[in-house]
Amino acid sequence: MAVKIRLARHGSKKRPFYRIVVATSEAPRDGRYIDQVGIYDPTRTPERVELKAEKLAAWIARGARPTQTVAQLIRRRGGAGGPAA
C-alpha cells in the first residue's frame, strides 16, 4: 500500500485552506489520513506554509512520497530532508 504526502482541501467555497497530510494512495482526497504534517493557506498574502519538519522528515524516511505540489511547497520552504521524488 503506497503512502503519499498530499493536500487535503478544507475551508468554504472560494476560500480554500489545505492540510498537508500523510495518507494511503487509495484514500479519498479529503477523507481519512494517517498524520497531519503541515498547513498551506494560499489565500493569505504572502501565502502561509507551515511544516512540521520532524514529522515530515520521519515520513519521508519511512518511504512516503510527496505529490508534485507538496514537493514544490517543501522545496520553497527549503526543508525536511528534501523530497524523495
Protein backbone atom coordinates (compact mmCIF):
# COMPACT_ATOMS: atom_id res chain seq x y z
CA MET A 1 0.00 0.00 0.00
CA ALA A 2 1.60 3.28 -1.16
CA VAL A 3 1.74 6.18 1.27
CA LYS A 4 1.65 9.73 -0.08
CA ILE A 5 2.13 13.17 1.38
CA ARG A 6 -0.55 15.33 -0.21
CA LEU A 7 -3.00 18.19 0.23
CA ALA A 8 -6.47 17.81 1.76
CA ARG A 9 -8.80 20.71 0.96
CA HIS A 10 -10.81 22.40 3.69
CA GLY A 11 -12.49 25.78 4.04
CA SER A 12 -15.59 27.18 2.46
CA LYS A 13 -16.45 27.77 -1.16
CA LYS A 14 -13.87 30.03 -2.86
CA ARG A 15 -11.86 30.22 0.40
CA PRO A 16 -9.59 27.15 0.20
CA PHE A 17 -7.38 26.06 3.06
CA TYR A 18 -5.24 22.95 2.80
CA ARG A 19 -3.81 20.50 5.30
CA ILE A 20 -0.65 18.69 4.30
CA VAL A 21 -1.38 15.10 5.26
CA VAL A 22 0.09 11.62 5.02
CA ALA A 23 -2.47 9.22 3.54
CA THR A 24 -2.66 5.97 1.63
CA SER A 25 -2.96 6.42 -2.11
CA GLU A 26 -6.40 4.75 -2.08
CA ALA A 27 -7.91 7.20 0.46
CA PRO A 28 -10.17 9.98 -0.90
CA ARG A 29 -8.68 13.48 -1.18
CA ASP A 30 -10.47 14.88 1.87
CA GLY A 31 -11.01 11.55 3.60
CA ARG A 32 -9.13 9.57 6.20
CA TYR A 33 -5.46 10.32 6.69
CA ILE A 34 -2.69 8.88 8.83
CA ASP A 35 -0.98 12.07 10.07
CA GLN A 36 -1.06 15.84 9.53
CA VAL A 37 2.38 17.31 8.82
CA GLY A 38 1.55 20.92 7.94
CA ILE A 39 -0.83 23.52 6.55
CA TYR A 40 -0.99 25.62 3.39
CA ASP A 41 -3.15 28.73 3.05
CA PRO A 42 -2.91 30.25 -0.46
CA THR A 43 -5.46 32.99 0.26
CA ARG A 44 -3.13 34.99 2.51
CA THR A 45 -0.59 37.48 1.21
CA PRO A 46 2.08 36.17 1.39
CA GLU A 47 0.76 32.63 1.31
CA ARG A 48 1.16 30.70 4.55
CA VAL A 49 3.03 27.39 4.59
CA GLU A 50 3.76 25.72 7.91
CA LEU A 51 5.52 22.37 8.03
CA LYS A 52 6.25 20.12 10.99
CA ALA A 53 9.79 19.36 9.84
CA GLU A 54 10.45 16.45 12.21
CA LYS A 55 7.25 14.61 11.26
CA LEU A 56 7.78 15.32 7.56
CA ALA A 57 11.37 14.04 7.61
CA ALA A 58 10.29 10.92 9.52
CA TRP A 59 7.57 10.08 6.98
CA ILE A 60 9.90 10.66 4.02
CA ALA A 61 12.46 8.38 5.70
CA ARG A 62 9.74 5.71 6.02
CA GLY A 63 9.10 5.88 2.28
CA ALA A 64 6.15 8.30 1.95
CA ARG A 65 6.25 10.05 -1.42
CA PRO A 66 5.18 13.71 -1.66
CA THR A 67 2.98 14.74 -4.58
CA GLN A 68 4.33 17.30 -7.05
CA THR A 69 2.54 20.17 -5.34
CA VAL A 70 3.70 19.21 -1.86
CA ALA A 71 7.26 18.65 -3.10
CA GLN A 72 7.20 22.17 -4.56
CA LEU A 73 5.99 23.61 -1.23
CA ILE A 74 8.73 21.71 0.64
CA ARG A 75 11.39 23.00 -1.78
CA ARG A 76 10.12 26.57 -1.39
CA ARG A 77 10.34 26.27 2.39
CA GLY A 78 13.77 24.68 1.94
CA GLY A 79 13.36 21.75 4.11
CA ALA A 80 12.80 18.49 5.84
CA GLY A 81 15.45 16.45 4.11
CA GLY A 82 14.04 17.15 0.66
CA PRO A 83 11.51 15.08 -1.24
CA ALA A 84 12.46 11.60 -2.31
CA ALA A 85 10.87 12.14 -5.72
